[in-house]
Amino acid sequence: MADWGPVVVAVMLFVLLSPGLLIQLPARGRVVEFGNMQTSGLSILVHAILYFALVTIFLIAIGVHIYAG
């Protein structure tokens, strides 16, 4: 059986944490902006660190597993 948990978690977090899609942290003019569809190097770094931390928590600490087949 295939374990689809890591794939589903990674794709969902990638879509939700894309800088500028839902939120941008830090933004160009403020600390947080919502849905501005712009990005900066610092916001890419912050979102990458958040992505790594959340993937680690969901996959290693919690152990999300989705079996298909």
PDB file of N, CA and C in Angstrom:
ATOM      1  N   MET A   1       0.837  -1.188   0.000  1.00  0.00           N
ATOM      2  CA  MET A   1       0.000   0.000   0.000  1.00  0.00           C
ATOM      3  C   MET A   1       0.878   1.246   0.000  1.00  0.00           C
ATOM      4  N   ALA A   2       0.448   2.237  -0.720  1.00  0.00           N
ATOM      5  CA  ALA A   2       1.202   3.485  -0.819  1.00  0.00           C
ATOM      6  C   ALA A   2       0.780   4.445   0.290  1.00  0.00           C
ATOM      7  N   ASP A   3       1.758   5.101   0.879  1.00  0.00           N
ATOM      8  CA  ASP A   3       1.504   6.099   1.913  1.00  0.00           C
ATOM      9  C   ASP A   3       1.470   7.475   1.249  1.00  0.00           C
ATOM     10  N   TRP A   4       0.274   8.044   1.126  1.00  0.00           N
ATOM     11  CA  TRP A   4       0.092   9.331   0.468  1.00  0.00           C
ATOM     12  C   TRP A   4       0.098  10.498   1.447  1.00  0.00           C
ATOM     13  N   GLY A   5       0.259  10.261   2.721  1.00  0.00           N
ATOM     14  CA  GLY A   5       0.256  11.319   3.732  1.00  0.00           C
ATOM     15  C   GLY A   5       1.283  12.409   3.492  1.00  0.00           C
ATOM     16  N   PRO A   6       2.579  12.039   3.295  1.00  0.00           N
ATOM     17  CA  PRO A   6       3.573  13.084   3.049  1.00  0.00           C
ATOM     18  C   PRO A   6       3.306  13.898   1.780  1.00  0.00           C
ATOM     19  N   VAL A   7       2.789  13.256   0.750  1.00  0.00           N
ATOM     20  CA  VAL A   7       2.506  13.957  -0.501  1.00  0.00           C
ATOM     21  C   VAL A   7       1.379  14.963  -0.305  1.00  0.00           C
ATOM     22  N   VAL A   8       0.316  14.547   0.328  1.00  0.00           N
ATOM     23  CA  VAL A   8      -0.839  15.423   0.551  1.00  0.00           C
ATOM     24  C   VAL A   8      -0.464  16.599   1.451  1.00  0.00           C
ATOM     25  N   VAL A   9       0.249  16.324   2.537  1.00  0.00           N
ATOM     26  CA  VAL A   9       0.652  17.393   3.455  1.00  0.00           C
ATOM     27  C   VAL A   9       1.576  18.382   2.764  1.00  0.00           C
ATOM     28  N   ALA A  10       2.556  17.884   2.012  1.00  0.00           N
ATOM     29  CA  ALA A  10       3.508  18.768   1.336  1.00  0.00           C
ATOM     30  C   ALA A  10       2.827  19.645   0.288  1.00  0.00           C
ATOM     31  N   VAL A  11       1.910  19.075  -0.486  1.00  0.00           N
ATOM     32  CA  VAL A  11       1.229  19.859  -1.525  1.00  0.00           C
ATOM     33  C   VAL A  11       0.308  20.904  -0.901  1.00  0.00           C
ATOM     34  N   MET A  12      -0.440  20.525   0.124  1.00  0.00           N
ATOM     35  CA  MET A  12      -1.336  21.482   0.772  1.00  0.00           C
ATOM     36  C   MET A  12      -0.563  22.642   1.387  1.00  0.00           C
ATOM     37  N   LEU A  13       0.531  22.340   2.091  1.00  0.00           N
ATOM     38  CA  LEU A  13       1.317  23.407   2.693  1.00  0.00           C
ATOM     39  C   LEU A  13       2.003  24.267   1.644  1.00  0.00           C
ATOM     40  N   PHE A  14       2.448  23.658   0.544  1.00  0.00           N
ATOM     41  CA  PHE A  14       3.081  24.430  -0.516  1.00  0.00           C
ATOM     42  C   PHE A  14       2.109  25.433  -1.115  1.00  0.00           C
ATOM     43  N   VAL A  15       0.887  25.011  -1.346  1.00  0.00           N
ATOM     44  CA  VAL A  15      -0.119  25.915  -1.913  1.00  0.00           C
ATOM     45  C   VAL A  15      -0.496  26.995  -0.902  1.00  0.00           C
ATOM     46  N   LEU A  16      -0.712  26.620   0.349  1.00  0.00           N
ATOM     47  CA  LEU A  16      -1.139  27.591   1.353  1.00  0.00           C
ATOM     48  C   LEU A  16      -0.043  28.571   1.742  1.00  0.00           C
ATOM     49  N   LEU A  17       1.220  28.130   1.694  1.00  0.00           N
ATOM     50  CA  LEU A  17       2.313  28.990   2.125  1.00  0.00           C
ATOM     51  C   LEU A  17       3.076  29.638   0.976  1.00  0.00           C
ATOM     52  N   SER A  18       2.502  29.655  -0.209  1.00  0.00           N
ATOM     53  CA  SER A  18       3.133  30.382  -1.312  1.00  0.00           C
ATOM     54  C   SER A  18       3.089  31.867  -0.996  1.00  0.00           C
ATOM     55  N   PRO A  19       4.247  32.539  -0.968  1.00  0.00           N
ATOM     56  CA  PRO A  19       4.253  33.959  -0.583  1.00  0.00           C
ATOM     57  C   PRO A  19       3.386  34.799  -1.512  1.00  0.00           C
ATOM     58  N   GLY A  20       2.499  35.560  -0.925  1.00  0.00           N
ATOM     59  CA  GLY A  20       1.643  36.463  -1.680  1.00  0.00           C
ATOM     60  C   GLY A  20       0.307  35.870  -2.063  1.00  0.00           C
ATOM     61  N   LEU A  21       0.127  34.557  -1.978  1.00  0.00           N
ATOM     62  CA  LEU A  21      -1.148  33.953  -2.369  1.00  0.00           C
ATOM     63  C   LEU A  21      -2.217  34.258  -1.324  1.00  0.00           C
ATOM     64  N   LEU A  22      -2.051  33.762  -0.112  1.00  0.00           N
ATOM     65  CA  LEU A  22      -2.983  34.077   0.973  1.00  0.00           C
ATOM     66  C   LEU A  22      -2.439  35.197   1.847  1.00  0.00           C
ATOM     67  N   ILE A  23      -1.199  35.017   2.317  1.00  0.00           N
ATOM     68  CA  ILE A  23      -0.567  36.041   3.149  1.00  0.00           C
ATOM     69  C   ILE A  23       0.872  36.212   2.695  1.00  0.00           C
ATOM     70  N   GLN A  24       1.450  37.338   3.057  1.00  0.00           N
ATOM     71  CA  GLN A  24       2.880  37.556   2.846  1.00  0.00           C
ATOM     72  C   GLN A  24       3.465  38.073   4.142  1.00  0.00           C
ATOM     73  N   LEU A  25       4.462  37.379   4.625  1.00  0.00           N
ATOM     74  CA  LEU A  25       5.058  37.688   5.916  1.00  0.00           C
ATOM     75  C   LEU A  25       6.563  37.721   5.766  1.00  0.00           C
ATOM     76  N   PRO A  26       7.301  38.747   5.936  1.00  0.00           N
ATOM     77  CA  PRO A  26       6.916  40.150   6.062  1.00  0.00           C
ATOM     78  C   PRO A  26       6.571  40.740   4.702  1.00  0.00           C
ATOM     79  N   ALA A  27       5.702  41.698   4.704  1.00  0.00           N
ATOM     80  CA  ALA A  27       5.269  42.333   3.457  1.00  0.00           C
ATOM     81  C   ALA A  27       6.199  43.489   3.108  1.00  0.00           C
ATOM     82  N   ARG A  28       5.947  44.109   1.988  1.00  0.00           N
ATOM     83  CA  ARG A  28       6.804  45.217   1.558  1.00  0.00           C
ATOM     84  C   ARG A  28       6.587  46.461   2.411  1.00  0.00           C
ATOM     85  N   GLY A  29       5.342  46.795   2.710  1.00  0.00           N
ATOM     86  CA  GLY A  29       5.060  48.010   3.457  1.00  0.00           C
ATOM     87  C   GLY A  29       4.659  47.774   4.897  1.00  0.00           C
ATOM     88  N   ARG A  30       4.123  46.623   5.190  1.00  0.00           N
ATOM     89  CA  ARG A  30       3.629  46.303   6.534  1.00  0.00           C
ATOM     90  C   ARG A  30       4.245  44.989   6.990  1.00  0.00           C
ATOM     91  N   VAL A  31       3.845  44.561   8.161  1.00  0.00           N
ATOM     92  CA  VAL A  31       4.340  43.278   8.668  1.00  0.00           C
ATOM     93  C   VAL A  31       3.660  42.130   7.932  1.00  0.00           C
ATOM     94  N   VAL A  32       2.345  42.208   7.753  1.00  0.00           N
ATOM     95  CA  VAL A  32       1.580  41.159   7.076  1.00  0.00           C
ATOM     96  C   VAL A  32       0.642  41.807   6.066  1.00  0.00           C
ATOM     97  N   GLU A  33       0.591  41.243   4.864  1.00  0.00           N
ATOM     98  CA  GLU A  33      -0.392  41.650   3.867  1.00  0.00           C
ATOM     99  C   GLU A  33      -1.130  40.411   3.397  1.00  0.00           C
ATOM    100  N   PHE A  34      -2.361  40.587   2.991  1.00  0.00           N
ATOM    101  CA  PHE A  34      -3.198  39.470   2.572  1.00  0.00           C
ATOM    102  C   PHE A  34      -3.516  39.578   1.083  1.00  0.00           C
ATOM    103  N   GLY A  35      -3.182  38.534   0.325  1.00  0.00           N
ATOM    104  CA  GLY A  35      -3.560  38.427  -1.073  1.00  0.00           C
ATOM    105  C   GLY A  35      -3.019  39.498  -1.983  1.00  0.00           C
ATOM    106  N   ASN A  36      -1.770  39.913  -1.806  1.00  0.00           N
ATOM    107  CA  ASN A  36      -1.247  40.981  -2.642  1.00  0.00           C
ATOM    108  C   ASN A  36      -0.540  40.459  -3.893  1.00  0.00           C
ATOM    109  N   MET A  37      -0.261  39.155  -3.985  1.00  0.00           N
ATOM    110  CA  MET A  37       0.366  38.502  -5.138  1.00  0.00           C
ATOM    111  C   MET A  37       1.725  39.108  -5.498  1.00  0.00           C
ATOM    112  N   GLN A  38       2.427  39.666  -4.528  1.00  0.00           N
ATOM    113  CA  GLN A  38       3.786  40.145  -4.707  1.00  0.00           C
ATOM    114  C   GLN A  38       4.670  39.444  -3.690  1.00  0.00           C
ATOM    115  N   THR A  39       5.974  39.453  -3.925  1.00  0.00           N
ATOM    116  CA  THR A  39       6.861  38.758  -3.009  1.00  0.00           C
ATOM    117  C   THR A  39       8.218  39.448  -2.951  1.00  0.00           C
ATOM    118  N   SER A  40       9.000  39.085  -1.964  1.00  0.00           N
ATOM    119  CA  SER A  40      10.360  39.592  -1.818  1.00  0.00           C
ATOM    120  C   SER A  40      11.244  38.434  -1.362  1.00  0.00           C
ATOM    121  N   GLY A  41      12.533  38.652  -1.401  1.00  0.00           N
ATOM    122  CA  GLY A  41      13.461  37.599  -0.990  1.00  0.00           C
ATOM    123  C   GLY A  41      13.306  37.223   0.472  1.00  0.00           C
ATOM    124  N   LEU A  42      13.079  38.219   1.320  1.00  0.00           N
ATOM    125  CA  LEU A  42      12.901  37.948   2.745  1.00  0.00           C
ATOM    126  C   LEU A  42      11.623  37.158   3.008  1.00  0.00           C
ATOM    127  N   SER A  43      10.545  37.472   2.301  1.00  0.00           N
ATOM    128  CA  SER A  43       9.299  36.729   2.507  1.00  0.00           C
ATOM    129  C   SER A  43       9.434  35.289   2.005  1.00  0.00           C
ATOM    130  N   ILE A  44      10.204  35.070   0.938  1.00  0.00           N
ATOM    131  CA  ILE A  44      10.453  33.706   0.463  1.00  0.00           C
ATOM    132  C   ILE A  44      11.201  32.919   1.531  1.00  0.00           C
ATOM    133  N   LEU A  45      12.193  33.535   2.157  1.00  0.00           N
ATOM    134  CA  LEU A  45      12.952  32.870   3.213  1.00  0.00           C
ATOM    135  C   LEU A  45      12.075  32.540   4.416  1.00  0.00           C
ATOM    136  N   VAL A  46      11.240  33.486   4.841  1.00  0.00           N
ATOM    137  CA  VAL A  46      10.357  33.261   5.988  1.00  0.00           C
ATOM    138  C   VAL A  46       9.356  32.146   5.679  1.00  0.00           C
ATOM    139  N   HIS A  47       8.761  32.157   4.491  1.00  0.00           N
ATOM    140  CA  HIS A  47       7.794  31.129   4.129  1.00  0.00           C
ATOM    141  C   HIS A  47       8.467  29.764   3.993  1.00  0.00           C
ATOM    142  N   ALA A  48       9.711  29.726   3.510  1.00  0.00           N
ATOM    143  CA  ALA A  48      10.436  28.450   3.403  1.00  0.00           C
ATOM    144  C   ALA A  48      10.722  27.869   4.783  1.00  0.00           C
ATOM    145  N   ILE A  49      11.088  28.717   5.732  1.00  0.00           N
ATOM    146  CA  ILE A  49      11.336  28.243   7.097  1.00  0.00           C
ATOM    147  C   ILE A  49      10.046  27.740   7.735  1.00  0.00           C
ATOM    148  N   LEU A  50       8.939  28.469   7.548  1.00  0.00           N
ATOM    149  CA  LEU A  50       7.640  28.020   8.064  1.00  0.00           C
ATOM    150  C   LEU A  50       7.216  26.700   7.426  1.00  0.00           C
ATOM    151  N   TYR A  51       7.429  26.567   6.114  1.00  0.00           N
ATOM    152  CA  TYR A  51       7.089  25.338   5.390  1.00  0.00           C
ATOM    153  C   TYR A  51       7.873  24.159   5.960  1.00  0.00           C
ATOM    154  N   PHE A  52       9.178  24.315   6.121  1.00  0.00           N
ATOM    155  CA  PHE A  52      10.010  23.241   6.653  1.00  0.00           C
ATOM    156  C   PHE A  52       9.575  22.858   8.062  1.00  0.00           C
ATOM    157  N   ALA A  53       9.296  23.862   8.903  1.00  0.00           N
ATOM    158  CA  ALA A  53       8.881  23.585  10.276  1.00  0.00           C
ATOM    159  C   ALA A  53       7.549  22.840  10.317  1.00  0.00           C
ATOM    160  N   LEU A  54       6.571  23.269   9.524  1.00  0.00           N
ATOM    161  CA  LEU A  54       5.263  22.619   9.537  1.00  0.00           C
ATOM    162  C   LEU A  54       5.305  21.223   8.927  1.00  0.00           C
ATOM    163  N   VAL A  55       6.083  21.037   7.857  1.00  0.00           N
ATOM    164  CA  VAL A  55       6.221  19.693   7.276  1.00  0.00           C
ATOM    165  C   VAL A  55       6.867  18.765   8.288  1.00  0.00           C
ATOM    166  N   THR A  56       7.880  19.235   8.988  1.00  0.00           N
ATOM    167  CA  THR A  56       8.540  18.423  10.003  1.00  0.00           C
ATOM    168  C   THR A  56       7.574  18.047  11.118  1.00  0.00           C
ATOM    169  N   ILE A  57       6.785  18.993  11.566  1.00  0.00           N
ATOM    170  CA  ILE A  57       5.822  18.715  12.641  1.00  0.00           C
ATOM    171  C   ILE A  57       4.785  17.698  12.180  1.00  0.00           C
ATOM    172  N   PHE A  58       4.193  17.918  10.997  1.00  0.00           N
ATOM    173  CA  PHE A  58       3.129  17.030  10.533  1.00  0.00           C
ATOM    174  C   PHE A  58       3.630  15.631  10.196  1.00  0.00           C
ATOM    175  N   LEU A  59       4.818  15.516   9.602  1.00  0.00           N
ATOM    176  CA  LEU A  59       5.264  14.223   9.130  1.00  0.00           C
ATOM    177  C   LEU A  59       6.062  13.442  10.158  1.00  0.00           C
ATOM    178  N   ILE A  60       6.878  14.105  10.956  1.00  0.00           N
ATOM    179  CA  ILE A  60       7.708  13.392  11.916  1.00  0.00           C
ATOM    180  C   ILE A  60       7.072  13.352  13.292  1.00  0.00           C
ATOM    181  N   ALA A  61       6.652  14.505  13.807  1.00  0.00           N
ATOM    182  CA  ALA A  61       6.121  14.549  15.161  1.00  0.00           C
ATOM    183  C   ALA A  61       4.729  13.943  15.262  1.00  0.00           C
ATOM    184  N   ILE A  62       3.846  14.318  14.359  1.00  0.00           N
ATOM    185  CA  ILE A  62       2.475  13.800  14.402  1.00  0.00           C
ATOM    186  C   ILE A  62       2.366  12.487  13.653  1.00  0.00           C
ATOM    187  N   GLY A  63       3.053  12.373  12.526  1.00  0.00           N
ATOM    188  CA  GLY A  63       3.049  11.133  11.751  1.00  0.00           C
ATOM    189  C   GLY A  63       1.778  10.954  10.937  1.00  0.00           C
ATOM    190  N   VAL A  64       1.509  11.866  10.029  1.00  0.00           N
ATOM    191  CA  VAL A  64       0.323  11.791   9.179  1.00  0.00           C
ATOM    192  C   VAL A  64       0.521  10.681   8.144  1.00  0.00           C
ATOM    193  N   HIS A  65      -0.443   9.755   8.072  1.00  0.00           N
ATOM    194  CA  HIS A  65      -0.384   8.657   7.098  1.00  0.00           C
ATOM    195  C   HIS A  65      -1.743   8.525   6.420  1.00  0.00           C
ATOM    196  N   ILE A  66      -1.714   8.430   5.103  1.00  0.00           N
ATOM    197  CA  ILE A  66      -2.920   8.185   4.312  1.00  0.00           C
ATOM    198  C   ILE A  66      -2.595   7.021   3.389  1.00  0.00           C
ATOM    199  N   TYR A  67      -3.246   5.915   3.589  1.00  0.00           N
ATOM    200  CA  TYR A  67      -2.957   4.728   2.780  1.00  0.00           C
ATOM    201  C   TYR A  67      -4.024   4.558   1.703  1.00  0.00           C
ATOM    202  N   ALA A  68      -3.568   4.270   0.482  1.00  0.00           N
ATOM    203  CA  ALA A  68      -4.476   4.046  -0.633  1.00  0.00           C
ATOM    204  C   ALA A  68      -4.153   2.694  -1.241  1.00  0.00           C
ATOM    205  N   GLY A  69      -5.175   2.027  -1.667  1.00  0.00           N
ATOM    206  CA  GLY A  69      -4.929   0.782  -2.379  1.00  0.00           C
ATOM    207  C   GLY A  69      -5.476  -0.400  -1.762  1.00  0.00           C
TER     208      GLY A  69
END
